[in-house]
Amino acid sequence: MAQGEEGGEKKGFFANFFEELDNFIDDATSRRLGAGQAFYGKRKSSFYGADDTGKKKDNSKFDPTEDYYGPSSAGYFKWMQDEDGRVVPVTRLKEKNIESRK
């Protein structure tokens, strides 16, 4: 199979370069660089190398154990278990649920 065709082959230097650049920019704007991956989800880019434990296993798929899924409307919250046993985001002072219901 030639390079650039669909499948498991590499797409070429520039295609991989731009994909990796896009992943790095996503990580930087989502605050995942440095120790930010501990709170905002694992990194998509391989900026820290192949041995990076903070990198996602497959950055094209959503994984609730690796991705950030907290509220986007509030930045100052904590996680707390509700009466059903689910972990939900709540405000720090009044412990009011701030999870968006759709």
PDB file of N, CA and C in Angstrom:
ATOM      1  N   MET A   1       0.855  -1.177   0.000  1.00  0.00           N
ATOM      2  CA  MET A   1       0.000   0.000   0.000  1.00  0.00           C
ATOM      3  C   MET A   1       0.897   1.235   0.000  1.00  0.00           C
ATOM      4  N   ALA A   2       0.655   2.182  -0.853  1.00  0.00           N
ATOM      5  CA  ALA A   2       1.478   3.380  -0.963  1.00  0.00           C
ATOM      6  C   ALA A   2       1.112   4.386   0.112  1.00  0.00           C
ATOM      7  N   GLN A   3       2.066   5.276   0.376  1.00  0.00           N
ATOM      8  CA  GLN A   3       1.791   6.320   1.361  1.00  0.00           C
ATOM      9  C   GLN A   3       0.686   7.228   0.850  1.00  0.00           C
ATOM     10  N   GLY A   4      -0.162   7.707   1.774  1.00  0.00           N
ATOM     11  CA  GLY A   4      -1.241   8.602   1.396  1.00  0.00           C
ATOM     12  C   GLY A   4      -2.555   7.895   1.147  1.00  0.00           C
ATOM     13  N   GLU A   5      -2.514   6.555   0.962  1.00  0.00           N
ATOM     14  CA  GLU A   5      -3.758   5.817   0.765  1.00  0.00           C
ATOM     15  C   GLU A   5      -4.423   5.567   2.106  1.00  0.00           C
ATOM     16  N   GLU A   6      -5.711   5.254   2.074  1.00  0.00           N
ATOM     17  CA  GLU A   6      -6.439   4.955   3.299  1.00  0.00           C
ATOM     18  C   GLU A   6      -5.915   3.673   3.906  1.00  0.00           C
ATOM     19  N   GLY A   7      -5.926   3.612   5.209  1.00  0.00           N
ATOM     20  CA  GLY A   7      -5.463   2.410   5.891  1.00  0.00           C
ATOM     21  C   GLY A   7      -4.578   2.797   7.056  1.00  0.00           C
ATOM     22  N   GLY A   8      -3.769   1.871   7.519  1.00  0.00           N
ATOM     23  CA  GLY A   8      -2.933   2.092   8.673  1.00  0.00           C
ATOM     24  C   GLY A   8      -1.601   2.741   8.365  1.00  0.00           C
ATOM     25  N   GLU A   9      -1.322   3.057   7.116  1.00  0.00           N
ATOM     26  CA  GLU A   9      -0.047   3.645   6.730  1.00  0.00           C
ATOM     27  C   GLU A   9       0.032   5.112   7.113  1.00  0.00           C
ATOM     28  N   LYS A  10       1.263   5.611   7.266  1.00  0.00           N
ATOM     29  CA  LYS A  10       1.480   7.034   7.522  1.00  0.00           C
ATOM     30  C   LYS A  10       1.052   7.830   6.300  1.00  0.00           C
ATOM     31  N   LYS A  11       0.588   9.045   6.526  1.00  0.00           N
ATOM     32  CA  LYS A  11       0.087   9.875   5.437  1.00  0.00           C
ATOM     33  C   LYS A  11       1.177  10.731   4.808  1.00  0.00           C
ATOM     34  N   GLY A  12       2.359  10.708   5.339  1.00  0.00           N
ATOM     35  CA  GLY A  12       3.429  11.539   4.831  1.00  0.00           C
ATOM     36  C   GLY A  12       3.848  12.553   5.870  1.00  0.00           C
ATOM     37  N   PHE A  13       5.015  13.148   5.669  1.00  0.00           N
ATOM     38  CA  PHE A  13       5.575  14.053   6.666  1.00  0.00           C
ATOM     39  C   PHE A  13       4.670  15.249   6.936  1.00  0.00           C
ATOM     40  N   PHE A  14       4.250  15.942   5.897  1.00  0.00           N
ATOM     41  CA  PHE A  14       3.487  17.167   6.109  1.00  0.00           C
ATOM     42  C   PHE A  14       2.089  16.900   6.654  1.00  0.00           C
ATOM     43  N   ALA A  15       1.441  15.836   6.230  1.00  0.00           N
ATOM     44  CA  ALA A  15       0.116  15.515   6.770  1.00  0.00           C
ATOM     45  C   ALA A  15       0.221  15.198   8.252  1.00  0.00           C
ATOM     46  N   ASN A  16       1.228  14.433   8.640  1.00  0.00           N
ATOM     47  CA  ASN A  16       1.441  14.109  10.039  1.00  0.00           C
ATOM     48  C   ASN A  16       1.872  15.356  10.818  1.00  0.00           C
ATOM     49  N   PHE A  17       2.690  16.203  10.201  1.00  0.00           N
ATOM     50  CA  PHE A  17       3.147  17.426  10.851  1.00  0.00           C
ATOM     51  C   PHE A  17       1.972  18.343  11.178  1.00  0.00           C
ATOM     52  N   PHE A  18       1.099  18.572  10.217  1.00  0.00           N
ATOM     53  CA  PHE A  18      -0.031  19.473  10.442  1.00  0.00           C
ATOM     54  C   PHE A  18      -1.051  18.882  11.414  1.00  0.00           C
ATOM     55  N   GLU A  19      -1.225  17.570  11.379  1.00  0.00           N
ATOM     56  CA  GLU A  19      -2.110  16.918  12.344  1.00  0.00           C
ATOM     57  C   GLU A  19      -1.547  17.067  13.757  1.00  0.00           C
ATOM     58  N   GLU A  20      -0.238  16.877  13.902  1.00  0.00           N
ATOM     59  CA  GLU A  20       0.409  17.011  15.206  1.00  0.00           C
ATOM     60  C   GLU A  20       0.397  18.470  15.674  1.00  0.00           C
ATOM     61  N   LEU A  21       0.571  19.403  14.742  1.00  0.00           N
ATOM     62  CA  LEU A  21       0.495  20.832  15.079  1.00  0.00           C
ATOM     63  C   LEU A  21      -0.911  21.186  15.568  1.00  0.00           C
ATOM     64  N   ASP A  22      -1.922  20.664  14.903  1.00  0.00           N
ATOM     65  CA  ASP A  22      -3.308  20.892  15.323  1.00  0.00           C
ATOM     66  C   ASP A  22      -3.559  20.315  16.713  1.00  0.00           C
ATOM     67  N   ASN A  23      -3.052  19.115  16.972  1.00  0.00           N
ATOM     68  CA  ASN A  23      -3.203  18.504  18.289  1.00  0.00           C
ATOM     69  C   ASN A  23      -2.495  19.324  19.362  1.00  0.00           C
ATOM     70  N   PHE A  24      -1.299  19.848  19.049  1.00  0.00           N
ATOM     71  CA  PHE A  24      -0.564  20.670  20.008  1.00  0.00           C
ATOM     72  C   PHE A  24      -1.328  21.956  20.324  1.00  0.00           C
ATOM     73  N   ILE A  25      -1.885  22.590  19.304  1.00  0.00           N
ATOM     74  CA  ILE A  25      -2.650  23.824  19.515  1.00  0.00           C
ATOM     75  C   ILE A  25      -3.894  23.536  20.346  1.00  0.00           C
ATOM     76  N   ASP A  26      -4.557  22.402  20.092  1.00  0.00           N
ATOM     77  CA  ASP A  26      -5.698  21.996  20.922  1.00  0.00           C
ATOM     78  C   ASP A  26      -5.276  21.834  22.380  1.00  0.00           C
ATOM     79  N   ASP A  27      -4.140  21.195  22.606  1.00  0.00           N
ATOM     80  CA  ASP A  27      -3.646  21.005  23.971  1.00  0.00           C
ATOM     81  C   ASP A  27      -3.313  22.334  24.638  1.00  0.00           C
ATOM     82  N   ALA A  28      -2.677  23.225  23.900  1.00  0.00           N
ATOM     83  CA  ALA A  28      -2.286  24.519  24.470  1.00  0.00           C
ATOM     84  C   ALA A  28      -3.506  25.373  24.815  1.00  0.00           C
ATOM     85  N   THR A  29      -4.492  25.404  23.937  1.00  0.00           N
ATOM     86  CA  THR A  29      -5.676  26.229  24.202  1.00  0.00           C
ATOM     87  C   THR A  29      -6.603  25.588  25.223  1.00  0.00           C
ATOM     88  N   SER A  30      -6.500  24.276  25.404  1.00  0.00           N
ATOM     89  CA  SER A  30      -7.323  23.589  26.401  1.00  0.00           C
ATOM     90  C   SER A  30      -6.594  23.418  27.728  1.00  0.00           C
ATOM     91  N   ARG A  31      -5.434  24.026  27.859  1.00  0.00           N
ATOM     92  CA  ARG A  31      -4.634  24.042  29.097  1.00  0.00           C
ATOM     93  C   ARG A  31      -4.144  22.667  29.506  1.00  0.00           C
ATOM     94  N   ARG A  32      -3.856  21.794  28.553  1.00  0.00           N
ATOM     95  CA  ARG A  32      -3.414  20.443  28.883  1.00  0.00           C
ATOM     96  C   ARG A  32      -1.906  20.291  28.944  1.00  0.00           C
ATOM     97  N   LEU A  33      -1.140  21.315  28.589  1.00  0.00           N
ATOM     98  CA  LEU A  33       0.314  21.215  28.632  1.00  0.00           C
ATOM     99  C   LEU A  33       0.793  21.282  30.076  1.00  0.00           C
ATOM    100  N   GLY A  34       1.981  20.753  30.325  1.00  0.00           N
ATOM    101  CA  GLY A  34       2.503  20.719  31.687  1.00  0.00           C
ATOM    102  C   GLY A  34       1.684  19.787  32.540  1.00  0.00           C
ATOM    103  N   ALA A  35       1.318  20.239  33.726  1.00  0.00           N
ATOM    104  CA  ALA A  35       0.516  19.412  34.626  1.00  0.00           C
ATOM    105  C   ALA A  35      -0.978  19.611  34.404  1.00  0.00           C
ATOM    106  N   GLY A  36      -1.382  20.408  33.430  1.00  0.00           N
ATOM    107  CA  GLY A  36      -2.794  20.665  33.167  1.00  0.00           C
ATOM    108  C   GLY A  36      -3.565  19.440  32.744  1.00  0.00           C
ATOM    109  N   GLN A  37      -2.885  18.446  32.220  1.00  0.00           N
ATOM    110  CA  GLN A  37      -3.578  17.226  31.783  1.00  0.00           C
ATOM    111  C   GLN A  37      -4.220  16.495  32.953  1.00  0.00           C
ATOM    112  N   ALA A  38      -3.761  16.746  34.171  1.00  0.00           N
ATOM    113  CA  ALA A  38      -4.356  16.073  35.330  1.00  0.00           C
ATOM    114  C   ALA A  38      -5.778  16.557  35.592  1.00  0.00           C
ATOM    115  N   PHE A  39      -6.076  17.797  35.211  1.00  0.00           N
ATOM    116  CA  PHE A  39      -7.409  18.337  35.450  1.00  0.00           C
ATOM    117  C   PHE A  39      -8.239  18.458  34.178  1.00  0.00           C
ATOM    118  N   TYR A  40      -7.603  18.825  33.068  1.00  0.00           N
ATOM    119  CA  TYR A  40      -8.334  19.104  31.826  1.00  0.00           C
ATOM    120  C   TYR A  40      -8.362  17.936  30.848  1.00  0.00           C
ATOM    121  N   GLY A  41      -7.911  16.779  31.245  1.00  0.00           N
ATOM    122  CA  GLY A  41      -7.921  15.617  30.359  1.00  0.00           C
ATOM    123  C   GLY A  41      -6.568  15.396  29.725  1.00  0.00           C
ATOM    124  N   LYS A  42      -6.370  14.207  29.224  1.00  0.00           N
ATOM    125  CA  LYS A  42      -5.076  13.842  28.657  1.00  0.00           C
ATOM    126  C   LYS A  42      -4.807  14.575  27.351  1.00  0.00           C
ATOM    127  N   ARG A  43      -3.518  14.717  27.034  1.00  0.00           N
ATOM    128  CA  ARG A  43      -3.075  15.448  25.846  1.00  0.00           C
ATOM    129  C   ARG A  43      -3.315  14.649  24.575  1.00  0.00           C
ATOM    130  N   LYS A  44      -3.572  15.366  23.479  1.00  0.00           N
ATOM    131  CA  LYS A  44      -3.696  14.743  22.166  1.00  0.00           C
ATOM    132  C   LYS A  44      -2.341  14.659  21.474  1.00  0.00           C
ATOM    133  N   SER A  45      -1.496  15.658  21.659  1.00  0.00           N
ATOM    134  CA  SER A  45      -0.232  15.730  20.931  1.00  0.00           C
ATOM    135  C   SER A  45       0.826  14.838  21.573  1.00  0.00           C
ATOM    136  N   SER A  46       1.843  14.517  20.795  1.00  0.00           N
ATOM    137  CA  SER A  46       2.965  13.745  21.316  1.00  0.00           C
ATOM    138  C   SER A  46       4.152  14.669  21.567  1.00  0.00           C
ATOM    139  N   PHE A  47       3.875  15.880  22.015  1.00  0.00           N
ATOM    140  CA  PHE A  47       4.885  16.900  22.272  1.00  0.00           C
ATOM    141  C   PHE A  47       5.891  16.448  23.323  1.00  0.00           C
ATOM    142  N   TYR A  48       5.453  15.690  24.318  1.00  0.00           N
ATOM    143  CA  TYR A  48       6.325  15.239  25.390  1.00  0.00           C
ATOM    144  C   TYR A  48       6.987  13.893  25.094  1.00  0.00           C
ATOM    145  N   GLY A  49       6.833  13.363  23.910  1.00  0.00           N
ATOM    146  CA  GLY A  49       7.505  12.134  23.518  1.00  0.00           C
ATOM    147  C   GLY A  49       6.615  10.907  23.580  1.00  0.00           C
ATOM    148  N   ALA A  50       7.197   9.787  23.187  1.00  0.00           N
ATOM    149  CA  ALA A  50       6.437   8.535  23.110  1.00  0.00           C
ATOM    150  C   ALA A  50       6.132   7.950  24.486  1.00  0.00           C
ATOM    151  N   ASP A  51       6.939   8.276  25.499  1.00  0.00           N
ATOM    152  CA  ASP A  51       6.750   7.720  26.844  1.00  0.00           C
ATOM    153  C   ASP A  51       5.828   8.567  27.710  1.00  0.00           C
ATOM    154  N   ASP A  52       5.127   9.519  27.138  1.00  0.00           N
ATOM    155  CA  ASP A  52       4.266  10.439  27.898  1.00  0.00           C
ATOM    156  C   ASP A  52       3.059   9.699  28.457  1.00  0.00           C
ATOM    157  N   THR A  53       2.950   9.654  29.778  1.00  0.00           N
ATOM    158  CA  THR A  53       1.798   8.993  30.408  1.00  0.00           C
ATOM    159  C   THR A  53       0.557   9.872  30.369  1.00  0.00           C
ATOM    160  N   GLY A  54       0.715  11.156  30.060  1.00  0.00           N
ATOM    161  CA  GLY A  54      -0.414  12.067  29.989  1.00  0.00           C
ATOM    162  C   GLY A  54      -1.018  12.184  28.610  1.00  0.00           C
ATOM    163  N   LYS A  55      -0.623  11.307  27.675  1.00  0.00           N
ATOM    164  CA  LYS A  55      -1.151  11.345  26.311  1.00  0.00           C
ATOM    165  C   LYS A  55      -2.283  10.334  26.169  1.00  0.00           C
ATOM    166  N   LYS A  56      -3.290  10.712  25.386  1.00  0.00           N
ATOM    167  CA  LYS A  56      -4.408   9.806  25.121  1.00  0.00           C
ATOM    168  C   LYS A  56      -3.943   8.598  24.321  1.00  0.00           C
ATOM    169  N   LYS A  57      -4.616   7.476  24.507  1.00  0.00           N
ATOM    170  CA  LYS A  57      -4.283   6.275  23.742  1.00  0.00           C
ATOM    171  C   LYS A  57      -4.697   6.441  22.292  1.00  0.00           C
ATOM    172  N   ASP A  58      -5.897   6.967  22.051  1.00  0.00           N
ATOM    173  CA  ASP A  58      -6.391   7.215  20.696  1.00  0.00           C
ATOM    174  C   ASP A  58      -7.060   8.583  20.706  1.00  0.00           C
ATOM    175  N   ASN A  59      -6.387   9.576  20.117  1.00  0.00           N
ATOM    176  CA  ASN A  59      -6.897  10.937  20.214  1.00  0.00           C
ATOM    177  C   ASN A  59      -8.070  11.225  19.290  1.00  0.00           C
ATOM    178  N   SER A  60      -8.475  10.261  18.470  1.00  0.00           N
ATOM    179  CA  SER A  60      -9.620  10.491  17.588  1.00  0.00           C
ATOM    180  C   SER A  60     -10.926  10.029  18.216  1.00  0.00           C
ATOM    181  N   LYS A  61     -10.851   9.346  19.370  1.00  0.00           N
ATOM    182  CA  LYS A  61     -12.060   8.829  20.015  1.00  0.00           C
ATOM    183  C   LYS A  61     -12.243   9.448  21.393  1.00  0.00           C
ATOM    184  N   PHE A  62     -13.507   9.687  21.776  1.00  0.00           N
ATOM    185  CA  PHE A  62     -13.830  10.194  23.100  1.00  0.00           C
ATOM    186  C   PHE A  62     -13.735   9.052  24.106  1.00  0.00           C
ATOM    187  N   ASP A  63     -13.065   9.312  25.212  1.00  0.00           N
ATOM    188  CA  ASP A  63     -12.948   8.345  26.295  1.00  0.00           C
ATOM    189  C   ASP A  63     -13.176   9.095  27.604  1.00  0.00           C
ATOM    190  N   PRO A  64     -14.242   8.797  28.337  1.00  0.00           N
ATOM    191  CA  PRO A  64     -14.539   9.552  29.553  1.00  0.00           C
ATOM    192  C   PRO A  64     -13.460   9.447  30.628  1.00  0.00           C
ATOM    193  N   THR A  65     -12.610   8.430  30.544  1.00  0.00           N
ATOM    194  CA  THR A  65     -11.529   8.327  31.528  1.00  0.00           C
ATOM    195  C   THR A  65     -10.332   9.190  31.155  1.00  0.00           C
ATOM    196  N   GLU A  66     -10.254   9.634  29.899  1.00  0.00           N
ATOM    197  CA  GLU A  66      -9.120  10.441  29.445  1.00  0.00           C
ATOM    198  C   GLU A  66      -9.493  11.873  29.092  1.00  0.00           C
ATOM    199  N   ASP A  67     -10.741  12.138  28.769  1.00  0.00           N
ATOM    200  CA  ASP A  67     -11.153  13.458  28.308  1.00  0.00           C
ATOM    201  C   ASP A  67     -11.822  14.256  29.416  1.00  0.00           C
ATOM    202  N   TYR A  68     -11.688  15.578  29.308  1.00  0.00           N
ATOM    203  CA  TYR A  68     -12.349  16.484  30.247  1.00  0.00           C
ATOM    204  C   TYR A  68     -13.819  16.571  29.898  1.00  0.00           C
ATOM    205  N   TYR A  69     -14.680  16.367  30.866  1.00  0.00           N
ATOM    206  CA  TYR A  69     -16.115  16.454  30.604  1.00  0.00           C
ATOM    207  C   TYR A  69     -16.828  17.268  31.672  1.00  0.00           C
ATOM    208  N   GLY A  70     -16.113  18.186  32.298  1.00  0.00           N
ATOM    209  CA  GLY A  70     -16.700  19.050  33.312  1.00  0.00           C
ATOM    210  C   GLY A  70     -17.504  20.181  32.691  1.00  0.00           C
ATOM    211  N   PRO A  71     -18.087  21.017  33.518  1.00  0.00           N
ATOM    212  CA  PRO A  71     -18.914  22.109  32.996  1.00  0.00           C
ATOM    213  C   PRO A  71     -18.068  23.171  32.305  1.00  0.00           C
ATOM    214  N   SER A  72     -18.616  23.759  31.272  1.00  0.00           N
ATOM    215  CA  SER A  72     -17.912  24.831  30.579  1.00  0.00           C
ATOM    216  C   SER A  72     -18.405  26.195  31.046  1.00  0.00           C
ATOM    217  N   SER A  73     -19.469  26.234  31.841  1.00  0.00           N
ATOM    218  CA  SER A  73     -20.038  27.503  32.289  1.00  0.00           C
ATOM    219  C   SER A  73     -19.411  28.001  33.592  1.00  0.00           C
ATOM    220  N   ALA A  74     -18.655  27.174  34.284  1.00  0.00           N
ATOM    221  CA  ALA A  74     -18.055  27.573  35.551  1.00  0.00           C
ATOM    222  C   ALA A  74     -16.646  27.014  35.649  1.00  0.00           C
ATOM    223  N   GLY A  75     -15.761  27.774  36.230  1.00  0.00           N
ATOM    224  CA  GLY A  75     -14.394  27.319  36.362  1.00  0.00           C
ATOM    225  C   GLY A  75     -14.025  26.958  37.782  1.00  0.00           C
ATOM    226  N   TYR A  76     -14.820  27.371  38.746  1.00  0.00           N
ATOM    227  CA  TYR A  76     -14.505  27.145  40.150  1.00  0.00           C
ATOM    228  C   TYR A  76     -15.528  26.179  40.728  1.00  0.00           C
ATOM    229  N   PHE A  77     -15.263  24.899  40.609  1.00  0.00           N
ATOM    230  CA  PHE A  77     -16.206  23.880  41.051  1.00  0.00           C
ATOM    231  C   PHE A  77     -15.436  22.707  41.632  1.00  0.00           C
ATOM    232  N   LYS A  78     -16.152  21.773  42.209  1.00  0.00           N
ATOM    233  CA  LYS A  78     -15.562  20.535  42.694  1.00  0.00           C
ATOM    234  C   LYS A  78     -16.477  19.380  42.311  1.00  0.00           C
ATOM    235  N   TRP A  79     -15.953  18.171  42.361  1.00  0.00           N
ATOM    236  CA  TRP A  79     -16.717  16.980  42.041  1.00  0.00           C
ATOM    237  C   TRP A  79     -17.286  16.395  43.326  1.00  0.00           C
ATOM    238  N   MET A  80     -18.560  15.976  43.270  1.00  0.00           N
ATOM    239  CA  MET A  80     -19.218  15.407  44.448  1.00  0.00           C
ATOM    240  C   MET A  80     -20.206  14.341  43.998  1.00  0.00           C
ATOM    241  N   GLN A  81     -20.380  13.300  44.806  1.00  0.00           N
ATOM    242  CA  GLN A  81     -21.346  12.262  44.475  1.00  0.00           C
ATOM    243  C   GLN A  81     -22.752  12.729  44.827  1.00  0.00           C
ATOM    244  N   ASP A  82     -23.703  12.457  43.918  1.00  0.00           N
ATOM    245  CA  ASP A  82     -25.100  12.781  44.216  1.00  0.00           C
ATOM    246  C   ASP A  82     -25.779  11.572  44.864  1.00  0.00           C
ATOM    247  N   GLU A  83     -27.080  11.672  45.083  1.00  0.00           N
ATOM    248  CA  GLU A  83     -27.797  10.591  45.773  1.00  0.00           C
ATOM    249  C   GLU A  83     -27.867   9.295  44.968  1.00  0.00           C
ATOM    250  N   ASP A  84     -27.668   9.378  43.630  1.00  0.00           N
ATOM    251  CA  ASP A  84     -27.661   8.183  42.787  1.00  0.00           C
ATOM    252  C   ASP A  84     -26.280   7.541  42.686  1.00  0.00           C
ATOM    253  N   GLY A  85     -25.273   8.179  43.258  1.00  0.00           N
ATOM    254  CA  GLY A  85     -23.915   7.659  43.195  1.00  0.00           C
ATOM    255  C   GLY A  85     -23.094   8.192  42.041  1.00  0.00           C
ATOM    256  N   ARG A  86     -23.709   9.031  41.192  1.00  0.00           N
ATOM    257  CA  ARG A  86     -22.972   9.644  40.084  1.00  0.00           C
ATOM    258  C   ARG A  86     -22.109  10.774  40.614  1.00  0.00           C
ATOM    259  N   VAL A  87     -20.968  10.996  40.002  1.00  0.00           N
ATOM    260  CA  VAL A  87     -20.104  12.112  40.367  1.00  0.00           C
ATOM    261  C   VAL A  87     -20.493  13.292  39.481  1.00  0.00           C
ATOM    262  N   VAL A  88     -20.895  14.410  40.103  1.00  0.00           N
ATOM    263  CA  VAL A  88     -21.359  15.586  39.373  1.00  0.00           C
ATOM    264  C   VAL A  88     -20.586  16.814  39.828  1.00  0.00           C
ATOM    265  N   PRO A  89     -20.454  17.830  38.956  1.00  0.00           N
ATOM    266  CA  PRO A  89     -19.789  19.066  39.361  1.00  0.00           C
ATOM    267  C   PRO A  89     -20.738  19.946  40.177  1.00  0.00           C
ATOM    268  N   VAL A  90     -20.242  20.481  41.283  1.00  0.00           N
ATOM    269  CA  VAL A  90     -21.036  21.363  42.143  1.00  0.00           C
ATOM    270  C   VAL A  90     -20.213  22.602  42.469  1.00  0.00           C
ATOM    271  N   THR A  91     -20.913  23.701  42.834  1.00  0.00           N
ATOM    272  CA  THR A  91     -20.205  24.909  43.248  1.00  0.00           C
ATOM    273  C   THR A  91     -19.493  24.638  44.563  1.00  0.00           C
ATOM    274  N   ARG A  92     -18.417  25.345  44.804  1.00  0.00           N
ATOM    275  CA  ARG A  92     -17.615  25.092  46.002  1.00  0.00           C
ATOM    276  C   ARG A  92     -18.296  25.569  47.276  1.00  0.00           C
ATOM    277  N   LEU A  93     -18.963  26.696  47.242  1.00  0.00           N
ATOM    278  CA  LEU A  93     -19.527  27.263  48.462  1.00  0.00           C
ATOM    279  C   LEU A  93     -20.869  26.624  48.839  1.00  0.00           C
ATOM    280  N   LYS A  94     -21.827  26.663  47.922  1.00  0.00           N
ATOM    281  CA  LYS A  94     -23.176  26.172  48.234  1.00  0.00           C
ATOM    282  C   LYS A  94     -23.419  24.738  47.789  1.00  0.00           C
ATOM    283  N   GLU A  95     -22.446  24.148  47.120  1.00  0.00           N
ATOM    284  CA  GLU A  95     -22.538  22.780  46.609  1.00  0.00           C
ATOM    285  C   GLU A  95     -23.790  22.556  45.751  1.00  0.00           C
ATOM    286  N   LYS A  96     -24.093  23.532  44.903  1.00  0.00           N
ATOM    287  CA  LYS A  96     -25.224  23.458  43.979  1.00  0.00           C
ATOM    288  C   LYS A  96     -24.759  22.800  42.675  1.00  0.00           C
ATOM    289  N   ASN A  97     -25.537  21.867  42.156  1.00  0.00           N
ATOM    290  CA  ASN A  97     -25.203  21.163  40.923  1.00  0.00           C
ATOM    291  C   ASN A  97     -25.177  22.145  39.760  1.00  0.00           C
ATOM    292  N   ILE A  98     -24.070  22.168  39.018  1.00  0.00           N
ATOM    293  CA  ILE A  98     -23.943  23.085  37.873  1.00  0.00           C
ATOM    294  C   ILE A  98     -23.855  22.328  36.558  1.00  0.00           C
ATOM    295  N   GLU A  99     -24.198  21.047  36.588  1.00  0.00           N
ATOM    296  CA  GLU A  99     -24.177  20.244  35.394  1.00  0.00           C
ATOM    297  C   GLU A  99     -25.274  20.708  34.449  1.00  0.00           C
ATOM    298  N   SER A 100     -24.929  20.877  33.173  1.00  0.00           N
ATOM    299  CA  SER A 100     -25.937  21.315  32.205  1.00  0.00           C
ATOM    300  C   SER A 100     -26.779  20.120  31.785  1.00  0.00           C
ATOM    301  N   ARG A 101     -28.057  20.257  31.875  1.00  0.00           N
ATOM    302  CA  ARG A 101     -29.008  19.220  31.459  1.00  0.00           C
ATOM    303  C   ARG A 101     -29.521  19.566  30.091  1.00  0.00           C
ATOM    304  N   LYS A 102     -29.391  18.641  29.131  1.00  0.00           N
ATOM    305  CA  LYS A 102     -29.863  18.914  27.770  1.00  0.00           C
ATOM    306  C   LYS A 102     -30.960  17.980  27.392  1.00  0.00           C
TER     307      LYS A 102
END
